[in-house]
Amino acid sequence: MERRISAILLALCLLAACGAERPEPSVLCAATADCVLCKGAGMWAWGQNNVGLISLNTFDMVPIEINRYDSGGELIEENTGTFQIRHIQGGEEGFSASVIEEPDFGYATLTVTLGEDGAMDRGKAAAFLCENCLEDIAPEGEETLRLGVIDFATGKVEAFDRKIRGFGAGDFRIHCDWPEEGEKVELLIFYAPLRYENEA
């Protein structure tokens, strides 16, 4: 009788284990040679001292032109007396933004609607990123928004976080004004390199 009870308990434990949640398998990342950020190619703004918005699921990138460059990639170091207003879209259903760029004064203001760029999907991002870049942008176990800022001079990406009101990206500072509700964020991006050469 004890053997039967032991056998039944063992069977129940095995059945319970079969229905238990298993940890999600690790995602398969791109090889370093194919990583969008490591190879740094495919975008005309790559290497320029500017930032842009980046979808962390599709890797659509839209540069914000605070420092202006000519068609040969040389920095234009003169005032134009103009500013630019434009609307940008990151993919078919991704983020959209109304942008005012003031290159003479070194800043831009944006009203960004996240659209489908809500939460990041690590599986989708892994198709574009090597393991190191994926962990840098979105450490496993942390919920990351699908939208970030890319520094085109370095290729470094900072994902937006509703709890963070501001951060730096190379020579740029980004101030984020998140409303209590909704899928929008107001951004102020300004060019603010270190003023002095000595290390801080």
N, C-alpha and C. Protein backbone atom coordinates (compact mmCIF):
# COMPACT_ATOMS: atom_id res chain seq x y z
N MET A 1 0.81 -1.18 0.00
CA MET A 1 0.00 0.00 0.00
C MET A 1 0.87 1.27 0.00
N GLU A 2 1.91 1.28 0.84
CA GLU A 2 2.81 2.43 0.88
C GLU A 2 3.48 2.65 -0.46
N ARG A 3 3.79 1.54 -1.16
CA ARG A 3 4.41 1.66 -2.47
C ARG A 3 3.48 2.35 -3.46
N ARG A 4 2.19 2.00 -3.40
CA ARG A 4 1.21 2.61 -4.29
C ARG A 4 1.09 4.11 -4.02
N ILE A 5 1.01 4.47 -2.76
CA ILE A 5 0.91 5.89 -2.40
C ILE A 5 2.15 6.63 -2.86
N SER A 6 3.33 6.04 -2.66
CA SER A 6 4.58 6.66 -3.11
C SER A 6 4.59 6.82 -4.62
N ALA A 7 4.11 5.80 -5.34
CA ALA A 7 4.08 5.85 -6.80
C ALA A 7 3.11 6.92 -7.27
N ILE A 8 1.95 7.04 -6.62
CA ILE A 8 0.97 8.05 -6.99
C ILE A 8 1.52 9.44 -6.72
N LEU A 9 2.16 9.64 -5.56
CA LEU A 9 2.76 10.94 -5.24
C LEU A 9 3.85 11.31 -6.24
N LEU A 10 4.67 10.34 -6.61
CA LEU A 10 5.72 10.57 -7.60
C LEU A 10 5.12 10.98 -8.93
N ALA A 11 4.06 10.29 -9.36
CA ALA A 11 3.39 10.61 -10.62
C ALA A 11 2.80 12.01 -10.57
N LEU A 12 2.18 12.38 -9.45
CA LEU A 12 1.60 13.72 -9.31
C LEU A 12 2.68 14.80 -9.37
N CYS A 13 3.80 14.53 -8.71
CA CYS A 13 4.91 15.51 -8.74
C CYS A 13 5.43 15.68 -10.16
N LEU A 14 5.56 14.59 -10.90
CA LEU A 14 6.04 14.68 -12.28
C LEU A 14 5.05 15.46 -13.15
N LEU A 15 3.75 15.19 -12.97
CA LEU A 15 2.74 15.92 -13.74
C LEU A 15 2.75 17.40 -13.40
N ALA A 16 2.90 17.73 -12.12
CA ALA A 16 2.95 19.13 -11.72
C ALA A 16 4.16 19.82 -12.32
N ALA A 17 5.28 19.12 -12.37
CA ALA A 17 6.49 19.71 -12.95
C ALA A 17 6.33 19.95 -14.44
N CYS A 18 5.56 19.08 -15.13
CA CYS A 18 5.36 19.26 -16.57
C CYS A 18 4.58 20.54 -16.87
N GLY A 19 3.64 20.89 -15.97
CA GLY A 19 2.83 22.08 -16.19
C GLY A 19 3.45 23.35 -15.66
N ALA A 20 4.56 23.23 -14.95
CA ALA A 20 5.19 24.41 -14.35
C ALA A 20 5.77 25.31 -15.42
N GLU A 21 5.78 26.61 -15.12
CA GLU A 21 6.38 27.56 -16.05
C GLU A 21 7.88 27.35 -16.11
N ARG A 22 8.37 27.37 -17.32
CA ARG A 22 9.81 27.24 -17.51
C ARG A 22 10.37 28.61 -17.84
N PRO A 23 11.63 28.83 -17.49
CA PRO A 23 12.21 30.13 -17.85
C PRO A 23 12.28 30.28 -19.36
N GLU A 24 12.07 31.51 -19.81
CA GLU A 24 12.11 31.79 -21.23
C GLU A 24 13.52 31.51 -21.77
N PRO A 25 13.61 30.81 -22.91
CA PRO A 25 14.94 30.53 -23.44
C PRO A 25 15.64 31.82 -23.85
N SER A 26 16.95 31.80 -23.80
CA SER A 26 17.72 32.98 -24.22
C SER A 26 17.48 33.23 -25.70
N VAL A 27 17.57 34.50 -26.09
CA VAL A 27 17.36 34.85 -27.49
C VAL A 27 18.65 34.60 -28.27
N LEU A 28 18.48 34.36 -29.54
CA LEU A 28 19.63 34.13 -30.42
C LEU A 28 20.03 35.47 -31.03
N CYS A 29 21.20 35.94 -30.66
CA CYS A 29 21.67 37.26 -31.11
C CYS A 29 22.41 37.16 -32.43
N ALA A 30 22.51 38.29 -33.09
CA ALA A 30 23.29 38.39 -34.33
C ALA A 30 24.78 38.24 -34.00
N ALA A 31 25.53 37.82 -34.98
CA ALA A 31 26.99 37.75 -34.82
C ALA A 31 27.54 39.17 -34.75
N THR A 32 28.67 39.34 -34.09
CA THR A 32 29.27 40.67 -33.94
C THR A 32 29.48 41.34 -35.31
N ALA A 33 29.87 40.54 -36.32
CA ALA A 33 30.11 41.09 -37.66
C ALA A 33 28.82 41.61 -38.30
N ASP A 34 27.65 41.11 -37.84
CA ASP A 34 26.37 41.53 -38.40
C ASP A 34 25.62 42.50 -37.49
N CYS A 35 26.18 42.83 -36.34
CA CYS A 35 25.52 43.71 -35.39
C CYS A 35 25.44 45.13 -35.96
N VAL A 36 24.24 45.69 -35.98
CA VAL A 36 24.02 47.03 -36.53
C VAL A 36 24.92 48.06 -35.85
N LEU A 37 25.09 47.95 -34.54
CA LEU A 37 25.87 48.95 -33.82
C LEU A 37 27.37 48.71 -33.93
N CYS A 38 27.79 47.45 -33.93
CA CYS A 38 29.23 47.16 -34.02
C CYS A 38 29.80 47.51 -35.39
N LYS A 39 29.05 47.21 -36.45
CA LYS A 39 29.58 47.50 -37.79
C LYS A 39 29.36 48.95 -38.19
N GLY A 40 28.36 49.61 -37.59
CA GLY A 40 28.16 51.04 -37.79
C GLY A 40 28.04 51.46 -39.23
N ALA A 41 27.23 50.76 -39.98
CA ALA A 41 27.09 51.11 -41.40
C ALA A 41 25.61 51.19 -41.76
N GLY A 42 25.35 51.70 -42.94
CA GLY A 42 24.00 51.73 -43.44
C GLY A 42 23.24 53.01 -43.16
N MET A 43 23.82 53.95 -42.45
CA MET A 43 23.14 55.21 -42.13
C MET A 43 24.09 56.34 -42.49
N TRP A 44 23.63 57.28 -43.29
CA TRP A 44 24.50 58.37 -43.75
C TRP A 44 25.05 59.20 -42.61
N ALA A 45 24.35 59.23 -41.47
CA ALA A 45 24.79 60.06 -40.34
C ALA A 45 25.85 59.39 -39.48
N TRP A 46 26.19 58.13 -39.79
CA TRP A 46 27.14 57.40 -38.94
C TRP A 46 28.48 58.12 -38.91
N GLY A 47 29.01 58.32 -37.70
CA GLY A 47 30.29 58.99 -37.52
C GLY A 47 30.15 60.49 -37.29
N GLN A 48 28.97 61.04 -37.55
CA GLN A 48 28.75 62.47 -37.32
C GLN A 48 28.49 62.72 -35.84
N ASN A 49 28.82 63.91 -35.37
CA ASN A 49 28.58 64.28 -33.98
C ASN A 49 27.14 64.80 -33.86
N ASN A 50 26.20 63.86 -33.96
CA ASN A 50 24.78 64.13 -33.83
C ASN A 50 24.13 62.94 -33.14
N VAL A 51 22.92 63.13 -32.69
CA VAL A 51 22.15 62.03 -32.12
C VAL A 51 20.90 61.84 -32.98
N GLY A 52 20.19 60.76 -32.70
CA GLY A 52 18.95 60.49 -33.42
C GLY A 52 18.06 59.59 -32.60
N LEU A 53 16.82 59.46 -33.04
CA LEU A 53 15.90 58.52 -32.41
C LEU A 53 16.08 57.16 -33.07
N ILE A 54 15.92 56.08 -32.29
CA ILE A 54 16.09 54.74 -32.82
C ILE A 54 15.03 53.82 -32.23
N SER A 55 14.35 53.06 -33.10
CA SER A 55 13.42 52.04 -32.64
C SER A 55 14.26 50.82 -32.25
N LEU A 56 14.05 50.31 -31.06
CA LEU A 56 14.85 49.18 -30.58
C LEU A 56 14.27 47.83 -30.98
N ASN A 57 13.22 47.83 -31.79
CA ASN A 57 12.70 46.58 -32.35
C ASN A 57 13.00 46.46 -33.84
N THR A 58 12.91 47.58 -34.55
CA THR A 58 13.14 47.54 -36.00
C THR A 58 14.48 48.17 -36.39
N PHE A 59 15.07 48.92 -35.51
CA PHE A 59 16.32 49.65 -35.72
C PHE A 59 16.22 50.67 -36.84
N ASP A 60 15.00 51.20 -37.02
CA ASP A 60 14.83 52.40 -37.84
C ASP A 60 15.47 53.54 -37.07
N MET A 61 16.28 54.36 -37.75
CA MET A 61 16.97 55.47 -37.10
C MET A 61 16.66 56.76 -37.84
N VAL A 62 16.41 57.82 -37.07
CA VAL A 62 16.14 59.13 -37.66
C VAL A 62 17.07 60.14 -36.99
N PRO A 63 18.05 60.67 -37.75
CA PRO A 63 18.98 61.66 -37.17
C PRO A 63 18.30 62.98 -36.84
N ILE A 64 18.76 63.60 -35.78
CA ILE A 64 18.36 64.95 -35.42
C ILE A 64 19.57 65.83 -35.74
N GLU A 65 19.42 66.72 -36.72
CA GLU A 65 20.57 67.47 -37.24
C GLU A 65 20.77 68.77 -36.47
N ILE A 66 21.54 68.65 -35.40
CA ILE A 66 21.91 69.84 -34.64
C ILE A 66 23.25 70.37 -35.16
N ASN A 67 24.20 69.47 -35.38
CA ASN A 67 25.43 69.83 -36.09
C ASN A 67 25.20 69.51 -37.56
N ARG A 68 25.40 70.49 -38.42
CA ARG A 68 25.14 70.30 -39.85
C ARG A 68 26.41 69.84 -40.57
N TYR A 69 26.23 68.93 -41.53
CA TYR A 69 27.34 68.40 -42.32
C TYR A 69 27.02 68.56 -43.80
N ASP A 70 28.07 68.75 -44.62
CA ASP A 70 27.85 68.83 -46.06
C ASP A 70 27.79 67.42 -46.64
N SER A 71 27.59 67.33 -47.95
CA SER A 71 27.44 66.02 -48.61
C SER A 71 28.71 65.18 -48.55
N GLY A 72 29.85 65.81 -48.29
CA GLY A 72 31.12 65.09 -48.15
C GLY A 72 31.40 64.65 -46.71
N GLY A 73 30.48 64.95 -45.80
CA GLY A 73 30.64 64.54 -44.41
C GLY A 73 31.44 65.50 -43.56
N GLU A 74 31.70 66.71 -44.08
CA GLU A 74 32.44 67.72 -43.31
C GLU A 74 31.49 68.60 -42.52
N LEU A 75 31.87 68.89 -41.28
CA LEU A 75 31.07 69.75 -40.41
C LEU A 75 31.00 71.16 -40.99
N ILE A 76 29.79 71.71 -41.06
CA ILE A 76 29.60 73.09 -41.52
C ILE A 76 29.65 73.98 -40.29
N GLU A 77 30.67 74.82 -40.19
CA GLU A 77 30.86 75.64 -39.01
C GLU A 77 30.52 77.10 -39.29
N GLU A 78 29.27 77.32 -39.65
CA GLU A 78 28.78 78.69 -39.86
C GLU A 78 27.29 78.73 -39.59
N ASN A 79 26.81 79.89 -39.18
CA ASN A 79 25.38 80.08 -38.92
C ASN A 79 24.63 80.20 -40.24
N THR A 80 23.36 79.77 -40.21
CA THR A 80 22.53 79.87 -41.40
C THR A 80 21.42 80.90 -41.23
N GLY A 81 21.11 81.26 -39.99
CA GLY A 81 20.01 82.18 -39.74
C GLY A 81 18.65 81.51 -39.97
N THR A 82 18.64 80.19 -40.00
CA THR A 82 17.39 79.47 -40.26
C THR A 82 17.18 78.39 -39.19
N PHE A 83 15.96 77.86 -39.18
CA PHE A 83 15.65 76.69 -38.37
C PHE A 83 14.78 75.78 -39.23
N GLN A 84 14.62 74.54 -38.79
CA GLN A 84 13.87 73.57 -39.59
C GLN A 84 12.78 72.95 -38.74
N ILE A 85 11.57 72.87 -39.31
CA ILE A 85 10.46 72.17 -38.69
C ILE A 85 10.13 70.99 -39.59
N ARG A 86 10.04 69.81 -39.00
CA ARG A 86 9.71 68.64 -39.81
C ARG A 86 9.00 67.59 -38.97
N HIS A 87 8.36 66.68 -39.67
CA HIS A 87 7.71 65.54 -39.02
C HIS A 87 8.46 64.29 -39.46
N ILE A 88 8.80 63.43 -38.50
CA ILE A 88 9.54 62.22 -38.83
C ILE A 88 8.74 61.00 -38.39
N GLN A 89 9.00 59.89 -39.05
CA GLN A 89 8.33 58.63 -38.76
C GLN A 89 9.37 57.52 -38.74
N GLY A 90 9.31 56.69 -37.71
CA GLY A 90 10.21 55.54 -37.61
C GLY A 90 9.51 54.26 -38.00
N GLY A 91 9.51 53.90 -39.25
CA GLY A 91 8.83 52.70 -39.71
C GLY A 91 7.34 52.95 -39.89
N GLU A 92 6.63 51.92 -40.39
CA GLU A 92 5.21 52.08 -40.70
C GLU A 92 4.36 52.32 -39.46
N GLU A 93 4.60 51.57 -38.38
CA GLU A 93 3.77 51.70 -37.19
C GLU A 93 4.58 52.09 -35.97
N GLY A 94 5.77 52.60 -36.19
CA GLY A 94 6.65 52.94 -35.08
C GLY A 94 6.41 54.35 -34.58
N PHE A 95 7.44 54.92 -33.97
CA PHE A 95 7.34 56.24 -33.39
C PHE A 95 7.14 57.30 -34.47
N SER A 96 6.60 58.42 -34.07
CA SER A 96 6.54 59.60 -34.93
C SER A 96 6.89 60.80 -34.07
N ALA A 97 7.36 61.86 -34.71
CA ALA A 97 7.76 63.03 -33.93
C ALA A 97 7.64 64.29 -34.76
N SER A 98 7.25 65.35 -34.08
CA SER A 98 7.32 66.70 -34.65
C SER A 98 8.61 67.31 -34.10
N VAL A 99 9.44 67.82 -35.00
CA VAL A 99 10.79 68.26 -34.62
C VAL A 99 11.01 69.71 -35.04
N ILE A 100 11.59 70.48 -34.15
CA ILE A 100 12.09 71.81 -34.50
C ILE A 100 13.59 71.78 -34.20
N GLU A 101 14.41 71.94 -35.26
CA GLU A 101 15.87 71.93 -35.13
C GLU A 101 16.39 73.35 -35.28
N GLU A 102 17.22 73.77 -34.33
CA GLU A 102 17.83 75.11 -34.33
C GLU A 102 19.35 74.94 -34.31
N PRO A 103 19.97 74.59 -35.46
CA PRO A 103 21.40 74.34 -35.46
C PRO A 103 22.27 75.53 -35.07
N ASP A 104 21.83 76.76 -35.38
CA ASP A 104 22.63 77.94 -35.01
C ASP A 104 22.78 78.06 -33.49
N PHE A 105 21.80 77.57 -32.75
CA PHE A 105 21.81 77.66 -31.30
C PHE A 105 22.11 76.32 -30.63
N GLY A 106 22.23 75.25 -31.41
CA GLY A 106 22.65 73.96 -30.89
C GLY A 106 21.61 73.18 -30.11
N TYR A 107 20.34 73.28 -30.53
CA TYR A 107 19.33 72.48 -29.82
C TYR A 107 18.19 72.10 -30.75
N ALA A 108 17.39 71.14 -30.28
CA ALA A 108 16.18 70.71 -30.98
C ALA A 108 15.12 70.37 -29.95
N THR A 109 13.85 70.61 -30.30
CA THR A 109 12.73 70.21 -29.46
C THR A 109 11.91 69.21 -30.25
N LEU A 110 11.40 68.20 -29.55
CA LEU A 110 10.62 67.15 -30.20
C LEU A 110 9.40 66.80 -29.36
N THR A 111 8.31 66.52 -30.04
CA THR A 111 7.15 65.89 -29.42
C THR A 111 7.06 64.52 -30.05
N VAL A 112 7.31 63.47 -29.27
CA VAL A 112 7.41 62.11 -29.80
C VAL A 112 6.20 61.30 -29.34
N THR A 113 5.58 60.61 -30.29
CA THR A 113 4.52 59.65 -30.00
C THR A 113 5.13 58.27 -30.19
N LEU A 114 5.03 57.44 -29.15
CA LEU A 114 5.69 56.13 -29.20
C LEU A 114 5.08 55.20 -30.22
N GLY A 115 3.78 55.28 -30.47
CA GLY A 115 3.13 54.38 -31.43
C GLY A 115 3.33 52.93 -31.00
N GLU A 116 3.69 52.09 -31.93
CA GLU A 116 3.94 50.68 -31.62
C GLU A 116 5.25 50.50 -30.86
N ASP A 117 6.02 51.58 -30.74
CA ASP A 117 7.28 51.51 -30.03
C ASP A 117 7.05 51.66 -28.53
N GLY A 118 6.25 50.76 -27.96
CA GLY A 118 5.99 50.73 -26.53
C GLY A 118 7.10 49.96 -25.83
N ALA A 119 6.85 48.69 -25.52
CA ALA A 119 7.86 47.87 -24.85
C ALA A 119 8.75 47.18 -25.88
N MET A 120 10.01 47.03 -25.53
CA MET A 120 10.99 46.39 -26.40
C MET A 120 10.80 44.87 -26.39
N ASP A 121 10.95 44.26 -27.55
CA ASP A 121 10.91 42.81 -27.71
C ASP A 121 12.35 42.34 -27.90
N ARG A 122 12.91 41.68 -26.87
CA ARG A 122 14.32 41.26 -26.94
C ARG A 122 14.58 40.33 -28.12
N GLY A 123 13.60 39.51 -28.48
CA GLY A 123 13.76 38.60 -29.61
C GLY A 123 13.93 39.34 -30.92
N LYS A 124 13.13 40.41 -31.12
CA LYS A 124 13.26 41.21 -32.34
C LYS A 124 14.58 41.97 -32.34
N ALA A 125 14.94 42.56 -31.20
CA ALA A 125 16.18 43.32 -31.12
C ALA A 125 17.40 42.43 -31.36
N ALA A 126 17.33 41.18 -30.90
CA ALA A 126 18.45 40.25 -31.04
C ALA A 126 18.79 39.97 -32.50
N ALA A 127 17.82 40.13 -33.40
CA ALA A 127 18.09 39.91 -34.82
C ALA A 127 19.04 40.97 -35.38
N PHE A 128 19.15 42.11 -34.68
CA PHE A 128 19.99 43.22 -35.14
C PHE A 128 21.26 43.41 -34.32
N LEU A 129 21.30 42.83 -33.11
CA LEU A 129 22.37 43.13 -32.16
C LEU A 129 23.13 41.89 -31.73
N CYS A 130 24.42 42.06 -31.45
CA CYS A 130 25.20 41.00 -30.84
C CYS A 130 24.82 40.93 -29.35
N GLU A 131 25.25 39.90 -28.68
CA GLU A 131 24.88 39.69 -27.28
C GLU A 131 25.33 40.85 -26.39
N ASN A 132 26.56 41.34 -26.58
CA ASN A 132 27.06 42.44 -25.75
C ASN A 132 26.24 43.72 -25.91
N CYS A 133 25.90 44.07 -27.15
CA CYS A 133 25.12 45.29 -27.39
C CYS A 133 23.71 45.14 -26.83
N LEU A 134 23.11 43.95 -26.99
CA LEU A 134 21.77 43.73 -26.45
C LEU A 134 21.77 43.89 -24.94
N GLU A 135 22.76 43.33 -24.25
CA GLU A 135 22.83 43.44 -22.79
C GLU A 135 23.11 44.88 -22.35
N ASP A 136 23.90 45.63 -23.13
CA ASP A 136 24.17 47.03 -22.80
C ASP A 136 22.90 47.87 -22.86
N ILE A 137 22.08 47.63 -23.89
CA ILE A 137 20.88 48.43 -24.10
C ILE A 137 19.74 47.98 -23.20
N ALA A 138 19.55 46.65 -23.12
CA ALA A 138 18.39 46.11 -22.40
C ALA A 138 18.80 44.87 -21.62
N PRO A 139 19.33 45.04 -20.43
CA PRO A 139 19.73 43.88 -19.64
C PRO A 139 18.56 42.92 -19.43
N GLU A 140 18.85 41.64 -19.51
CA GLU A 140 17.81 40.63 -19.36
C GLU A 140 17.11 40.80 -18.01
N GLY A 141 15.79 40.70 -18.05
CA GLY A 141 14.99 40.84 -16.84
C GLY A 141 14.48 42.25 -16.59
N GLU A 142 14.98 43.23 -17.33
CA GLU A 142 14.51 44.61 -17.18
C GLU A 142 13.58 44.95 -18.33
N GLU A 143 12.49 45.65 -18.02
CA GLU A 143 11.58 46.08 -19.07
C GLU A 143 12.12 47.37 -19.67
N THR A 144 12.30 47.36 -20.97
CA THR A 144 12.88 48.50 -21.68
C THR A 144 11.90 49.01 -22.71
N LEU A 145 11.78 50.34 -22.83
CA LEU A 145 10.96 50.90 -23.89
C LEU A 145 11.61 50.62 -25.24
N ARG A 146 10.81 50.57 -26.26
CA ARG A 146 11.29 50.26 -27.61
C ARG A 146 11.92 51.44 -28.31
N LEU A 147 12.10 52.53 -27.63
CA LEU A 147 12.62 53.72 -28.28
C LEU A 147 13.83 54.23 -27.51
N GLY A 148 14.83 54.70 -28.24
CA GLY A 148 16.02 55.21 -27.59
C GLY A 148 16.65 56.33 -28.40
N VAL A 149 17.79 56.78 -27.90
CA VAL A 149 18.61 57.79 -28.57
C VAL A 149 19.92 57.14 -28.95
N ILE A 150 20.35 57.34 -30.18
CA ILE A 150 21.64 56.83 -30.63
C ILE A 150 22.59 58.00 -30.83
N ASP A 151 23.81 57.85 -30.35
CA ASP A 151 24.88 58.82 -30.58
C ASP A 151 25.62 58.34 -31.82
N PHE A 152 25.47 59.04 -32.94
CA PHE A 152 26.07 58.59 -34.20
C PHE A 152 27.59 58.68 -34.19
N ALA A 153 28.18 59.45 -33.30
CA ALA A 153 29.64 59.54 -33.22
C ALA A 153 30.24 58.26 -32.63
N THR A 154 29.52 57.64 -31.69
CA THR A 154 30.06 56.46 -30.98
C THR A 154 29.27 55.18 -31.24
N GLY A 155 28.03 55.30 -31.70
CA GLY A 155 27.17 54.13 -31.86
C GLY A 155 26.50 53.68 -30.58
N LYS A 156 26.71 54.44 -29.50
CA LYS A 156 26.11 54.06 -28.21
C LYS A 156 24.63 54.43 -28.20
N VAL A 157 23.81 53.53 -27.63
CA VAL A 157 22.37 53.72 -27.57
C VAL A 157 21.92 53.77 -26.12
N GLU A 158 21.05 54.72 -25.81
CA GLU A 158 20.40 54.82 -24.50
C GLU A 158 18.91 54.64 -24.71
N ALA A 159 18.33 53.62 -24.09
CA ALA A 159 16.88 53.42 -24.17
C ALA A 159 16.18 54.42 -23.26
N PHE A 160 15.04 54.91 -23.71
CA PHE A 160 14.25 55.80 -22.87
C PHE A 160 13.68 55.02 -21.70
N ASP A 161 13.49 55.70 -20.59
CA ASP A 161 12.93 55.11 -19.38
C ASP A 161 12.03 56.17 -18.76
N ARG A 162 10.77 55.82 -18.53
CA ARG A 162 9.81 56.80 -18.01
C ARG A 162 10.22 57.38 -16.65
N LYS A 163 11.09 56.69 -15.93
CA LYS A 163 11.53 57.17 -14.62
C LYS A 163 12.68 58.16 -14.72
N ILE A 164 13.29 58.28 -15.90
CA ILE A 164 14.47 59.14 -16.06
C ILE A 164 14.06 60.40 -16.83
N ARG A 165 14.36 61.54 -16.23
CA ARG A 165 13.98 62.83 -16.80
C ARG A 165 15.06 63.44 -17.69
N GLY A 166 16.26 62.90 -17.64
CA GLY A 166 17.30 63.44 -18.47
C GLY A 166 18.54 62.58 -18.43
N PHE A 167 19.33 62.64 -19.50
CA PHE A 167 20.57 61.86 -19.57
C PHE A 167 21.47 62.46 -20.65
N GLY A 168 22.70 62.00 -20.68
CA GLY A 168 23.66 62.46 -21.67
C GLY A 168 23.89 61.41 -22.74
N ALA A 169 24.24 61.87 -23.93
CA ALA A 169 24.62 61.00 -25.04
C ALA A 169 25.75 61.70 -25.76
N GLY A 170 26.99 61.33 -25.43
CA GLY A 170 28.15 62.01 -26.01
C GLY A 170 28.16 63.48 -25.63
N ASP A 171 28.21 64.35 -26.63
CA ASP A 171 28.23 65.80 -26.40
C ASP A 171 26.84 66.41 -26.24
N PHE A 172 25.82 65.57 -26.15
CA PHE A 172 24.44 66.05 -26.11
C PHE A 172 23.79 65.72 -24.77
N ARG A 173 22.85 66.56 -24.38
CA ARG A 173 22.04 66.33 -23.19
C ARG A 173 20.59 66.28 -23.64
N ILE A 174 19.87 65.30 -23.10
CA ILE A 174 18.48 65.08 -23.48
C ILE A 174 17.60 65.21 -22.24
N HIS A 175 16.67 66.15 -22.27
CA HIS A 175 15.70 66.32 -21.18
C HIS A 175 14.38 65.71 -21.65
N CYS A 176 13.77 64.86 -20.80
CA CYS A 176 12.53 64.16 -21.13
C CYS A 176 11.42 64.63 -20.22
N ASP A 177 10.32 65.04 -20.80
CA ASP A 177 9.14 65.44 -20.03
C ASP A 177 8.03 64.43 -20.33
N TRP A 178 7.88 63.47 -19.41
CA TRP A 178 6.88 62.41 -19.57
C TRP A 178 5.57 62.84 -18.92
N PRO A 179 4.46 62.80 -19.67
CA PRO A 179 3.17 63.08 -19.03
C PRO A 179 2.77 61.90 -18.14
N GLU A 180 1.83 62.15 -17.24
CA GLU A 180 1.39 61.07 -16.35
C GLU A 180 0.73 59.94 -17.12
N GLU A 181 0.03 60.27 -18.20
CA GLU A 181 -0.64 59.26 -19.01
C GLU A 181 -0.33 59.51 -20.47
N GLY A 182 -0.57 58.48 -21.28
CA GLY A 182 -0.41 58.63 -22.72
C GLY A 182 0.90 58.08 -23.22
N GLU A 183 1.04 58.13 -24.52
CA GLU A 183 2.19 57.54 -25.20
C GLU A 183 3.07 58.60 -25.84
N LYS A 184 3.16 59.77 -25.22
CA LYS A 184 3.99 60.85 -25.77
C LYS A 184 5.06 61.25 -24.79
N VAL A 185 6.11 61.86 -25.32
CA VAL A 185 7.16 62.45 -24.50
C VAL A 185 7.65 63.70 -25.22
N GLU A 186 7.89 64.75 -24.44
CA GLU A 186 8.46 65.99 -24.97
C GLU A 186 9.96 65.94 -24.70
N LEU A 187 10.76 66.18 -25.73
CA LEU A 187 12.22 66.13 -25.59
C LEU A 187 12.84 67.48 -25.91
N LEU A 188 13.87 67.80 -25.16
CA LEU A 188 14.74 68.93 -25.46
C LEU A 188 16.14 68.34 -25.58
N ILE A 189 16.71 68.44 -26.76
CA ILE A 189 18.06 67.91 -27.00
C ILE A 189 18.96 69.10 -27.28
N PHE A 190 20.04 69.22 -26.51
CA PHE A 190 20.94 70.33 -26.76
C PHE A 190 22.39 69.86 -26.78
N TYR A 191 23.16 70.55 -27.62
CA TYR A 191 24.58 70.27 -27.81
C TYR A 191 25.33 70.97 -26.68
N ALA A 192 25.99 70.18 -25.83
CA ALA A 192 26.68 70.75 -24.67
C ALA A 192 27.96 69.97 -24.40
N PRO A 193 28.97 70.13 -25.26
CA PRO A 193 30.23 69.42 -25.00
C PRO A 193 30.90 69.98 -23.75
N LEU A 194 31.81 69.21 -23.18
CA LEU A 194 32.56 69.71 -22.03
C LEU A 194 33.24 71.03 -22.42
N ARG A 195 33.19 71.97 -21.53
CA ARG A 195 33.72 73.30 -21.83
C ARG A 195 35.25 73.34 -21.79
N TYR A 196 35.86 72.49 -21.00
CA TYR A 196 37.32 72.56 -20.81
C TYR A 196 37.94 71.19 -21.11
N GLU A 197 39.17 71.20 -21.50
CA GLU A 197 39.87 69.98 -21.92
C GLU A 197 40.24 69.05 -20.77
N ASN A 198 40.44 69.60 -19.56
CA ASN A 198 40.89 68.74 -18.46
C ASN A 198 39.79 67.73 -18.10
N GLU A 199 40.22 66.57 -17.59
CA GLU A 199 39.28 65.52 -17.18
C GLU A 199 38.49 65.95 -15.96
N ALA A 200 37.21 65.66 -15.95
CA ALA A 200 36.36 66.02 -14.80
C ALA A 200 36.51 64.98 -13.70
